[in-house]
Amino acid sequence: MYLYRVIGTVTLNRVHPLLMGGTLKLSEPIGETLIGHPPAEVDSVVVWDDFGASEGSIIAVSDGAEAAQPFRPQLKPIDAYNSALIDELHIHPELLDQ
């Protein structure tokens, strides 16, 4: 599971029936920057969201095979799933740069 920030919403012209009930969010990974590492050149990721994350929200993302597990036995054609909305995040300064 990784931390991402939502930077936008993906709009589809036609929606596959298995994708009904949620939205697709464009997000970027932020985990390394939270612990003091400079941001790396990263690709944005499209994440399936049924929690209602808004632009700027920090979310926990499961990707790969784990992304489809919450929907079992139905299979959804997704590669990344928003598994949690992060309300608060506290990083202890003494744990940075160790």
PDB file of N, CA and C in Angstrom:
ATOM      1  N   MET A   1       0.841  -1.159   0.000  1.00  0.00           N
ATOM      2  CA  MET A   1       0.000   0.000   0.000  1.00  0.00           C
ATOM      3  C   MET A   1       0.899   1.239   0.000  1.00  0.00           C
ATOM      4  N   TYR A   2       0.513   2.228  -0.801  1.00  0.00           N
ATOM      5  CA  TYR A   2       1.308   3.432  -0.976  1.00  0.00           C
ATOM      6  C   TYR A   2       0.435   4.668  -0.770  1.00  0.00           C
ATOM      7  N   LEU A   3       1.063   5.797  -0.459  1.00  0.00           N
ATOM      8  CA  LEU A   3       0.333   7.050  -0.298  1.00  0.00           C
ATOM      9  C   LEU A   3       0.388   7.852  -1.593  1.00  0.00           C
ATOM     10  N   TYR A   4      -0.770   8.341  -1.999  1.00  0.00           N
ATOM     11  CA  TYR A   4      -0.908   9.143  -3.207  1.00  0.00           C
ATOM     12  C   TYR A   4      -1.725  10.391  -2.899  1.00  0.00           C
ATOM     13  N   ARG A   5      -1.547  11.428  -3.719  1.00  0.00           N
ATOM     14  CA  ARG A   5      -2.386  12.628  -3.635  1.00  0.00           C
ATOM     15  C   ARG A   5      -3.217  12.686  -4.911  1.00  0.00           C
ATOM     16  N   VAL A   6      -4.528  12.904  -4.751  1.00  0.00           N
ATOM     17  CA  VAL A   6      -5.436  13.006  -5.893  1.00  0.00           C
ATOM     18  C   VAL A   6      -5.205  14.347  -6.572  1.00  0.00           C
ATOM     19  N   ILE A   7      -4.968  14.310  -7.886  1.00  0.00           N
ATOM     20  CA  ILE A   7      -4.728  15.546  -8.632  1.00  0.00           C
ATOM     21  C   ILE A   7      -5.804  15.821  -9.676  1.00  0.00           C
ATOM     22  N   GLY A   8      -6.754  14.907  -9.828  1.00  0.00           N
ATOM     23  CA  GLY A   8      -7.828  15.139 -10.792  1.00  0.00           C
ATOM     24  C   GLY A   8      -8.735  13.939 -10.936  1.00  0.00           C
ATOM     25  N   THR A   9      -9.735  14.086 -11.780  1.00  0.00           N
ATOM     26  CA  THR A   9     -10.696  13.017 -12.048  1.00  0.00           C
ATOM     27  C   THR A   9     -10.623  12.644 -13.517  1.00  0.00           C
ATOM     28  N   VAL A  10     -10.723  11.368 -13.808  1.00  0.00           N
ATOM     29  CA  VAL A  10     -10.721  10.871 -15.176  1.00  0.00           C
ATOM     30  C   VAL A  10     -12.176  10.688 -15.601  1.00  0.00           C
ATOM     31  N   THR A  11     -12.540  11.282 -16.716  1.00  0.00           N
ATOM     32  CA  THR A  11     -13.902  11.189 -17.225  1.00  0.00           C
ATOM     33  C   THR A  11     -13.921  10.272 -18.441  1.00  0.00           C
ATOM     34  N   LEU A  12     -14.838   9.335 -18.445  1.00  0.00           N
ATOM     35  CA  LEU A  12     -14.952   8.378 -19.542  1.00  0.00           C
ATOM     36  C   LEU A  12     -16.144   8.738 -20.423  1.00  0.00           C
ATOM     37  N   ASN A  13     -16.003   8.524 -21.717  1.00  0.00           N
ATOM     38  CA  ASN A  13     -17.095   8.738 -22.645  1.00  0.00           C
ATOM     39  C   ASN A  13     -18.140   7.639 -22.474  1.00  0.00           C
ATOM     40  N   ARG A  14     -17.656   6.392 -22.397  1.00  0.00           N
ATOM     41  CA  ARG A  14     -18.526   5.243 -22.118  1.00  0.00           C
ATOM     42  C   ARG A  14     -17.897   4.465 -20.979  1.00  0.00           C
ATOM     43  N   VAL A  15     -18.700   3.966 -20.078  1.00  0.00           N
ATOM     44  CA  VAL A  15     -18.204   3.261 -18.905  1.00  0.00           C
ATOM     45  C   VAL A  15     -18.508   1.778 -19.041  1.00  0.00           C
ATOM     46  N   HIS A  16     -17.507   0.953 -18.788  1.00  0.00           N
ATOM     47  CA  HIS A  16     -17.710  -0.489 -18.752  1.00  0.00           C
ATOM     48  C   HIS A  16     -18.653  -0.794 -17.590  1.00  0.00           C
ATOM     49  N   PRO A  17     -19.609  -1.704 -17.764  1.00  0.00           N
ATOM     50  CA  PRO A  17     -20.577  -1.996 -16.695  1.00  0.00           C
ATOM     51  C   PRO A  17     -19.931  -2.385 -15.359  1.00  0.00           C
ATOM     52  N   LEU A  18     -18.782  -3.019 -15.376  1.00  0.00           N
ATOM     53  CA  LEU A  18     -18.133  -3.412 -14.126  1.00  0.00           C
ATOM     54  C   LEU A  18     -17.523  -2.228 -13.379  1.00  0.00           C
ATOM     55  N   LEU A  19     -17.414  -1.067 -14.027  1.00  0.00           N
ATOM     56  CA  LEU A  19     -16.854   0.114 -13.374  1.00  0.00           C
ATOM     57  C   LEU A  19     -17.919   1.041 -12.805  1.00  0.00           C
ATOM     58  N   MET A  20     -19.178   0.664 -12.912  1.00  0.00           N
ATOM     59  CA  MET A  20     -20.257   1.482 -12.357  1.00  0.00           C
ATOM     60  C   MET A  20     -20.144   1.501 -10.829  1.00  0.00           C
ATOM     61  N   GLY A  21     -20.485   2.645 -10.225  1.00  0.00           N
ATOM     62  CA  GLY A  21     -20.496   2.743  -8.771  1.00  0.00           C
ATOM     63  C   GLY A  21     -19.278   3.417  -8.169  1.00  0.00           C
ATOM     64  N   GLY A  22     -18.340   3.837  -8.984  1.00  0.00           N
ATOM     65  CA  GLY A  22     -17.142   4.505  -8.476  1.00  0.00           C
ATOM     66  C   GLY A  22     -16.644   5.503  -9.495  1.00  0.00           C
ATOM     67  N   THR A  23     -15.523   6.131  -9.187  1.00  0.00           N
ATOM     68  CA  THR A  23     -14.920   7.078 -10.114  1.00  0.00           C
ATOM     69  C   THR A  23     -13.445   6.739 -10.284  1.00  0.00           C
ATOM     70  N   LEU A  24     -12.872   7.257 -11.331  1.00  0.00           N
ATOM     71  CA  LEU A  24     -11.446   7.086 -11.570  1.00  0.00           C
ATOM     72  C   LEU A  24     -10.746   8.398 -11.232  1.00  0.00           C
ATOM     73  N   LYS A  25      -9.740   8.317 -10.378  1.00  0.00           N
ATOM     74  CA  LYS A  25      -9.006   9.503  -9.934  1.00  0.00           C
ATOM     75  C   LYS A  25      -7.579   9.446 -10.454  1.00  0.00           C
ATOM     76  N   LEU A  26      -7.098  10.566 -10.954  1.00  0.00           N
ATOM     77  CA  LEU A  26      -5.703  10.685 -11.350  1.00  0.00           C
ATOM     78  C   LEU A  26      -4.924  11.092 -10.108  1.00  0.00           C
ATOM     79  N   SER A  27      -3.883  10.363  -9.789  1.00  0.00           N
ATOM     80  CA  SER A  27      -3.145  10.623  -8.552  1.00  0.00           C
ATOM     81  C   SER A  27      -1.652  10.452  -8.780  1.00  0.00           C
ATOM     82  N   GLU A  28      -0.874  11.018  -7.838  1.00  0.00           N
ATOM     83  CA  GLU A  28       0.580  10.913  -7.916  1.00  0.00           C
ATOM     84  C   GLU A  28       1.118  10.441  -6.567  1.00  0.00           C
ATOM     85  N   PRO A  29       2.156   9.609  -6.591  1.00  0.00           N
ATOM     86  CA  PRO A  29       2.720   9.100  -5.334  1.00  0.00           C
ATOM     87  C   PRO A  29       3.422  10.215  -4.555  1.00  0.00           C
ATOM     88  N   ILE A  30       3.252  10.210  -3.222  1.00  0.00           N
ATOM     89  CA  ILE A  30       3.865  11.253  -2.394  1.00  0.00           C
ATOM     90  C   ILE A  30       4.627  10.687  -1.209  1.00  0.00           C
ATOM     91  N   GLY A  31       4.691   9.383  -1.048  1.00  0.00           N
ATOM     92  CA  GLY A  31       5.297   8.778   0.133  1.00  0.00           C
ATOM     93  C   GLY A  31       6.713   9.223   0.411  1.00  0.00           C
ATOM     94  N   GLU A  32       7.565   9.276  -0.589  1.00  0.00           N
ATOM     95  CA  GLU A  32       8.970   9.652  -0.385  1.00  0.00           C
ATOM     96  C   GLU A  32       9.116  11.113   0.025  1.00  0.00           C
ATOM     97  N   THR A  33       8.280  11.987  -0.511  1.00  0.00           N
ATOM     98  CA  THR A  33       8.389  13.399  -0.157  1.00  0.00           C
ATOM     99  C   THR A  33       7.959  13.660   1.278  1.00  0.00           C
ATOM    100  N   LEU A  34       7.086  12.823   1.818  1.00  0.00           N
ATOM    101  CA  LEU A  34       6.626  13.006   3.196  1.00  0.00           C
ATOM    102  C   LEU A  34       7.730  12.767   4.211  1.00  0.00           C
ATOM    103  N   ILE A  35       8.727  11.980   3.853  1.00  0.00           N
ATOM    104  CA  ILE A  35       9.798  11.674   4.809  1.00  0.00           C
ATOM    105  C   ILE A  35      11.090  12.413   4.467  1.00  0.00           C
ATOM    106  N   GLY A  36      10.970  13.478   3.687  1.00  0.00           N
ATOM    107  CA  GLY A  36      12.106  14.345   3.459  1.00  0.00           C
ATOM    108  C   GLY A  36      12.947  14.065   2.240  1.00  0.00           C
ATOM    109  N   HIS A  37      12.568  13.090   1.439  1.00  0.00           N
ATOM    110  CA  HIS A  37      13.325  12.816   0.216  1.00  0.00           C
ATOM    111  C   HIS A  37      12.814  13.717  -0.902  1.00  0.00           C
ATOM    112  N   PRO A  38      13.700  14.172  -1.770  1.00  0.00           N
ATOM    113  CA  PRO A  38      13.247  15.034  -2.867  1.00  0.00           C
ATOM    114  C   PRO A  38      12.306  14.259  -3.793  1.00  0.00           C
ATOM    115  N   PRO A  39      11.319  14.949  -4.340  1.00  0.00           N
ATOM    116  CA  PRO A  39      10.390  14.253  -5.235  1.00  0.00           C
ATOM    117  C   PRO A  39      11.116  13.732  -6.466  1.00  0.00           C
ATOM    118  N   ALA A  40      10.845  12.505  -6.798  1.00  0.00           N
ATOM    119  CA  ALA A  40      11.444  11.883  -7.980  1.00  0.00           C
ATOM    120  C   ALA A  40      10.528  12.118  -9.180  1.00  0.00           C
ATOM    121  N   GLU A  41      11.042  11.893 -10.342  1.00  0.00           N
ATOM    122  CA  GLU A  41      10.253  11.959 -11.564  1.00  0.00           C
ATOM    123  C   GLU A  41       9.318  10.745 -11.541  1.00  0.00           C
ATOM    124  N   VAL A  42       8.021  10.986 -11.360  1.00  0.00           N
ATOM    125  CA  VAL A  42       7.072   9.884 -11.215  1.00  0.00           C
ATOM    126  C   VAL A  42       5.943  10.014 -12.222  1.00  0.00           C
ATOM    127  N   ASP A  43       5.347   8.903 -12.525  1.00  0.00           N
ATOM    128  CA  ASP A  43       4.192   8.871 -13.405  1.00  0.00           C
ATOM    129  C   ASP A  43       2.917   8.948 -12.577  1.00  0.00           C
ATOM    130  N   SER A  44       1.908   9.605 -13.111  1.00  0.00           N
ATOM    131  CA  SER A  44       0.603   9.633 -12.471  1.00  0.00           C
ATOM    132  C   SER A  44      -0.058   8.273 -12.666  1.00  0.00           C
ATOM    133  N   VAL A  45      -0.962   7.947 -11.744  1.00  0.00           N
ATOM    134  CA  VAL A  45      -1.645   6.652 -11.769  1.00  0.00           C
ATOM    135  C   VAL A  45      -3.148   6.895 -11.703  1.00  0.00           C
ATOM    136  N   VAL A  46      -3.906   6.138 -12.484  1.00  0.00           N
ATOM    137  CA  VAL A  46      -5.362   6.193 -12.416  1.00  0.00           C
ATOM    138  C   VAL A  46      -5.808   5.180 -11.370  1.00  0.00           C
ATOM    139  N   VAL A  47      -6.574   5.664 -10.381  1.00  0.00           N
ATOM    140  CA  VAL A  47      -6.977   4.854  -9.231  1.00  0.00           C
ATOM    141  C   VAL A  47      -8.497   4.753  -9.189  1.00  0.00           C
ATOM    142  N   TRP A  48      -9.001   3.542  -8.980  1.00  0.00           N
ATOM    143  CA  TRP A  48     -10.439   3.324  -8.792  1.00  0.00           C
ATOM    144  C   TRP A  48     -10.811   3.797  -7.395  1.00  0.00           C
ATOM    145  N   ASP A  49     -11.853   4.638  -7.290  1.00  0.00           N
ATOM    146  CA  ASP A  49     -12.250   5.207  -6.002  1.00  0.00           C
ATOM    147  C   ASP A  49     -13.750   5.087  -5.818  1.00  0.00           C
ATOM    148  N   ASP A  50     -14.157   4.459  -4.720  1.00  0.00           N
ATOM    149  CA  ASP A  50     -15.578   4.449  -4.381  1.00  0.00           C
ATOM    150  C   ASP A  50     -15.814   5.066  -3.002  1.00  0.00           C
ATOM    151  N   PHE A  51     -14.813   5.801  -2.479  1.00  0.00           N
ATOM    152  CA  PHE A  51     -14.942   6.491  -1.198  1.00  0.00           C
ATOM    153  C   PHE A  51     -15.267   7.974  -1.368  1.00  0.00           C
ATOM    154  N   GLY A  52     -15.119   8.511  -2.560  1.00  0.00           N
ATOM    155  CA  GLY A  52     -15.417   9.916  -2.803  1.00  0.00           C
ATOM    156  C   GLY A  52     -14.262  10.858  -2.522  1.00  0.00           C
ATOM    157  N   ALA A  53     -13.046  10.428  -2.804  1.00  0.00           N
ATOM    158  CA  ALA A  53     -11.875  11.295  -2.608  1.00  0.00           C
ATOM    159  C   ALA A  53     -11.977  12.505  -3.529  1.00  0.00           C
ATOM    160  N   SER A  54     -11.581  13.668  -3.015  1.00  0.00           N
ATOM    161  CA  SER A  54     -11.621  14.880  -3.819  1.00  0.00           C
ATOM    162  C   SER A  54     -10.195  15.297  -4.182  1.00  0.00           C
ATOM    163  N   GLU A  55     -10.091  16.270  -5.063  1.00  0.00           N
ATOM    164  CA  GLU A  55      -8.775  16.752  -5.473  1.00  0.00           C
ATOM    165  C   GLU A  55      -8.019  17.282  -4.256  1.00  0.00           C
ATOM    166  N   GLY A  56      -6.758  16.842  -4.100  1.00  0.00           N
ATOM    167  CA  GLY A  56      -5.945  17.221  -2.961  1.00  0.00           C
ATOM    168  C   GLY A  56      -5.973  16.212  -1.825  1.00  0.00           C
ATOM    169  N   SER A  57      -6.894  15.263  -1.865  1.00  0.00           N
ATOM    170  CA  SER A  57      -6.975  14.240  -0.808  1.00  0.00           C
ATOM    171  C   SER A  57      -5.760  13.333  -0.838  1.00  0.00           C
ATOM    172  N   ILE A  58      -5.332  12.903   0.342  1.00  0.00           N
ATOM    173  CA  ILE A  58      -4.287  11.886   0.432  1.00  0.00           C
ATOM    174  C   ILE A  58      -4.990  10.549   0.615  1.00  0.00           C
ATOM    175  N   ILE A  59      -4.605   9.584  -0.219  1.00  0.00           N
ATOM    176  CA  ILE A  59      -5.265   8.279  -0.201  1.00  0.00           C
ATOM    177  C   ILE A  59      -4.217   7.168  -0.095  1.00  0.00           C
ATOM    178  N   ALA A  60      -4.643   6.035   0.440  1.00  0.00           N
ATOM    179  CA  ALA A  60      -3.807   4.839   0.472  1.00  0.00           C
ATOM    180  C   ALA A  60      -4.223   3.972  -0.709  1.00  0.00           C
ATOM    181  N   VAL A  61      -3.257   3.546  -1.500  1.00  0.00           N
ATOM    182  CA  VAL A  61      -3.555   2.842  -2.748  1.00  0.00           C
ATOM    183  C   VAL A  61      -2.949   1.440  -2.729  1.00  0.00           C
ATOM    184  N   SER A  62      -3.781   0.468  -3.064  1.00  0.00           N
ATOM    185  CA  SER A  62      -3.314  -0.893  -3.311  1.00  0.00           C
ATOM    186  C   SER A  62      -3.234  -1.051  -4.818  1.00  0.00           C
ATOM    187  N   ASP A  63      -2.181  -1.702  -5.301  1.00  0.00           N
ATOM    188  CA  ASP A  63      -2.063  -1.855  -6.744  1.00  0.00           C
ATOM    189  C   ASP A  63      -1.752  -3.295  -7.106  1.00  0.00           C
ATOM    190  N   GLY A  64      -1.750  -3.559  -8.394  1.00  0.00           N
ATOM    191  CA  GLY A  64      -1.480  -4.911  -8.879  1.00  0.00           C
ATOM    192  C   GLY A  64      -2.644  -5.848  -8.580  1.00  0.00           C
ATOM    193  N   ALA A  65      -2.317  -7.099  -8.309  1.00  0.00           N
ATOM    194  CA  ALA A  65      -3.347  -8.119  -8.064  1.00  0.00           C
ATOM    195  C   ALA A  65      -4.198  -7.793  -6.840  1.00  0.00           C
ATOM    196  N   GLU A  66      -3.615  -7.125  -5.839  1.00  0.00           N
ATOM    197  CA  GLU A  66      -4.361  -6.782  -4.632  1.00  0.00           C
ATOM    198  C   GLU A  66      -5.476  -5.772  -4.903  1.00  0.00           C
ATOM    199  N   ALA A  67      -5.368  -5.004  -5.961  1.00  0.00           N
ATOM    200  CA  ALA A  67      -6.370  -3.985  -6.274  1.00  0.00           C
ATOM    201  C   ALA A  67      -7.724  -4.600  -6.583  1.00  0.00           C
ATOM    202  N   ALA A  68      -7.761  -5.788  -7.140  1.00  0.00           N
ATOM    203  CA  ALA A  68      -9.026  -6.424  -7.503  1.00  0.00           C
ATOM    204  C   ALA A  68      -9.607  -7.279  -6.383  1.00  0.00           C
ATOM    205  N   GLN A  69      -8.877  -7.524  -5.320  1.00  0.00           N
ATOM    206  CA  GLN A  69      -9.341  -8.415  -4.260  1.00  0.00           C
ATOM    207  C   GLN A  69     -10.604  -7.954  -3.532  1.00  0.00           C
ATOM    208  N   PRO A  70     -10.815  -6.660  -3.272  1.00  0.00           N
ATOM    209  CA  PRO A  70     -12.029  -6.272  -2.552  1.00  0.00           C
ATOM    210  C   PRO A  70     -13.320  -6.596  -3.286  1.00  0.00           C
ATOM    211  N   PHE A  71     -13.246  -6.879  -4.560  1.00  0.00           N
ATOM    212  CA  PHE A  71     -14.443  -7.104  -5.364  1.00  0.00           C
ATOM    213  C   PHE A  71     -14.749  -8.580  -5.600  1.00  0.00           C
ATOM    214  N   ARG A  72     -13.938  -9.467  -5.086  1.00  0.00           N
ATOM    215  CA  ARG A  72     -14.123 -10.900  -5.293  1.00  0.00           C
ATOM    216  C   ARG A  72     -15.487 -11.335  -4.837  1.00  0.00           C
ATOM    217  N   PRO A  73     -16.177 -12.217  -5.483  1.00  0.00           N
ATOM    218  CA  PRO A  73     -15.788 -13.031  -6.632  1.00  0.00           C
ATOM    219  C   PRO A  73     -15.937 -12.305  -7.968  1.00  0.00           C
ATOM    220  N   GLN A  74     -16.563 -11.117  -7.972  1.00  0.00           N
ATOM    221  CA  GLN A  74     -16.638 -10.353  -9.218  1.00  0.00           C
ATOM    222  C   GLN A  74     -15.256  -9.789  -9.528  1.00  0.00           C
ATOM    223  N   LEU A  75     -14.895  -9.766 -10.782  1.00  0.00           N
ATOM    224  CA  LEU A  75     -13.600  -9.227 -11.191  1.00  0.00           C
ATOM    225  C   LEU A  75     -13.797  -7.873 -11.856  1.00  0.00           C
ATOM    226  N   LYS A  76     -13.062  -6.868 -11.390  1.00  0.00           N
ATOM    227  CA  LYS A  76     -13.101  -5.546 -12.006  1.00  0.00           C
ATOM    228  C   LYS A  76     -11.777  -5.313 -12.725  1.00  0.00           C
ATOM    229  N   PRO A  77     -11.814  -4.694 -13.897  1.00  0.00           N
ATOM    230  CA  PRO A  77     -10.593  -4.457 -14.665  1.00  0.00           C
ATOM    231  C   PRO A  77      -9.831  -3.226 -14.164  1.00  0.00           C
ATOM    232  N   ILE A  78      -9.275  -3.311 -12.947  1.00  0.00           N
ATOM    233  CA  ILE A  78      -8.543  -2.188 -12.383  1.00  0.00           C
ATOM    234  C   ILE A  78      -7.158  -2.632 -11.938  1.00  0.00           C
ATOM    235  N   ASP A  79      -6.218  -1.694 -11.929  1.00  0.00           N
ATOM    236  CA  ASP A  79      -4.849  -1.965 -11.501  1.00  0.00           C
ATOM    237  C   ASP A  79      -4.488  -1.253 -10.207  1.00  0.00           C
ATOM    238  N   ALA A  80      -5.289  -0.256  -9.807  1.00  0.00           N
ATOM    239  CA  ALA A  80      -5.011   0.473  -8.567  1.00  0.00           C
ATOM    240  C   ALA A  80      -6.340   0.837  -7.910  1.00  0.00           C
ATOM    241  N   TYR A  81      -6.416   0.653  -6.587  1.00  0.00           N
ATOM    242  CA  TYR A  81      -7.657   0.817  -5.834  1.00  0.00           C
ATOM    243  C   TYR A  81      -7.415   1.710  -4.628  1.00  0.00           C
ATOM    244  N   ASN A  82      -8.276   2.702  -4.418  1.00  0.00           N
ATOM    245  CA  ASN A  82      -8.199   3.555  -3.234  1.00  0.00           C
ATOM    246  C   ASN A  82      -8.751   2.755  -2.062  1.00  0.00           C
ATOM    247  N   SER A  83      -7.870   2.317  -1.170  1.00  0.00           N
ATOM    248  CA  SER A  83      -8.303   1.485  -0.049  1.00  0.00           C
ATOM    249  C   SER A  83      -8.541   2.272   1.230  1.00  0.00           C
ATOM    250  N   ALA A  84      -8.170   3.575   1.278  1.00  0.00           N
ATOM    251  CA  ALA A  84      -8.412   4.380   2.476  1.00  0.00           C
ATOM    252  C   ALA A  84      -8.220   5.863   2.161  1.00  0.00           C
ATOM    253  N   LEU A  85      -9.019   6.689   2.834  1.00  0.00           N
ATOM    254  CA  LEU A  85      -8.816   8.134   2.824  1.00  0.00           C
ATOM    255  C   LEU A  85      -8.021   8.472   4.080  1.00  0.00           C
ATOM    256  N   ILE A  86      -6.966   9.250   3.937  1.00  0.00           N
ATOM    257  CA  ILE A  86      -6.115   9.607   5.070  1.00  0.00           C
ATOM    258  C   ILE A  86      -6.575  10.976   5.590  1.00  0.00           C
ATOM    259  N   ASP A  87      -7.119  11.005   6.815  1.00  0.00           N
ATOM    260  CA  ASP A  87      -7.566  12.265   7.412  1.00  0.00           C
ATOM    261  C   ASP A  87      -6.401  13.060   7.979  1.00  0.00           C
ATOM    262  N   GLU A  88      -5.543  12.384   8.730  1.00  0.00           N
ATOM    263  CA  GLU A  88      -4.389  13.035   9.339  1.00  0.00           C
ATOM    264  C   GLU A  88      -3.181  12.136   9.188  1.00  0.00           C
ATOM    265  N   LEU A  89      -2.036  12.770   9.069  1.00  0.00           N
ATOM    266  CA  LEU A  89      -0.794  12.029   8.927  1.00  0.00           C
ATOM    267  C   LEU A  89       0.257  12.720   9.779  1.00  0.00           C
ATOM    268  N   HIS A  90       0.795  11.998  10.758  1.00  0.00           N
ATOM    269  CA  HIS A  90       1.822  12.547  11.642  1.00  0.00           C
ATOM    270  C   HIS A  90       3.112  11.777  11.443  1.00  0.00           C
ATOM    271  N   ILE A  91       4.176  12.501  11.138  1.00  0.00           N
ATOM    272  CA  ILE A  91       5.485  11.884  10.961  1.00  0.00           C
ATOM    273  C   ILE A  91       6.395  12.426  12.056  1.00  0.00           C
ATOM    274  N   HIS A  92       6.916  11.535  12.863  1.00  0.00           N
ATOM    275  CA  HIS A  92       7.762  11.934  13.967  1.00  0.00           C
ATOM    276  C   HIS A  92       9.094  12.443  13.415  1.00  0.00           C
ATOM    277  N   PRO A  93       9.480  13.700  13.709  1.00  0.00           N
ATOM    278  CA  PRO A  93      10.700  14.273  13.122  1.00  0.00           C
ATOM    279  C   PRO A  93      11.972  13.513  13.489  1.00  0.00           C
ATOM    280  N   GLU A  94      11.986  12.845  14.624  1.00  0.00           N
ATOM    281  CA  GLU A  94      13.172  12.103  15.026  1.00  0.00           C
ATOM    282  C   GLU A  94      13.409  10.862  14.163  1.00  0.00           C
ATOM    283  N   LEU A  95      12.373  10.421  13.453  1.00  0.00           N
ATOM    284  CA  LEU A  95      12.501   9.224  12.616  1.00  0.00           C
ATOM    285  C   LEU A  95      12.962   9.541  11.194  1.00  0.00           C
ATOM    286  N   LEU A  96      13.019  10.821  10.850  1.00  0.00           N
ATOM    287  CA  LEU A  96      13.454  11.221   9.517  1.00  0.00           C
ATOM    288  C   LEU A  96      14.965  11.097   9.376  1.00  0.00           C
ATOM    289  N   ASP A  97      15.406  10.809   8.166  1.00  0.00           N
ATOM    290  CA  ASP A  97      16.837  10.720   7.822  1.00  0.00           C
ATOM    291  C   ASP A  97      17.608   9.740   8.691  1.00  0.00           C
ATOM    292  N   GLN A  98      17.051   8.570   8.910  1.00  0.00           N
ATOM    293  CA  GLN A  98      17.769   7.529   9.649  1.00  0.00           C
ATOM    294  C   GLN A  98      18.257   6.485   8.716  1.00  0.00           C
TER     295      GLN A  98
END
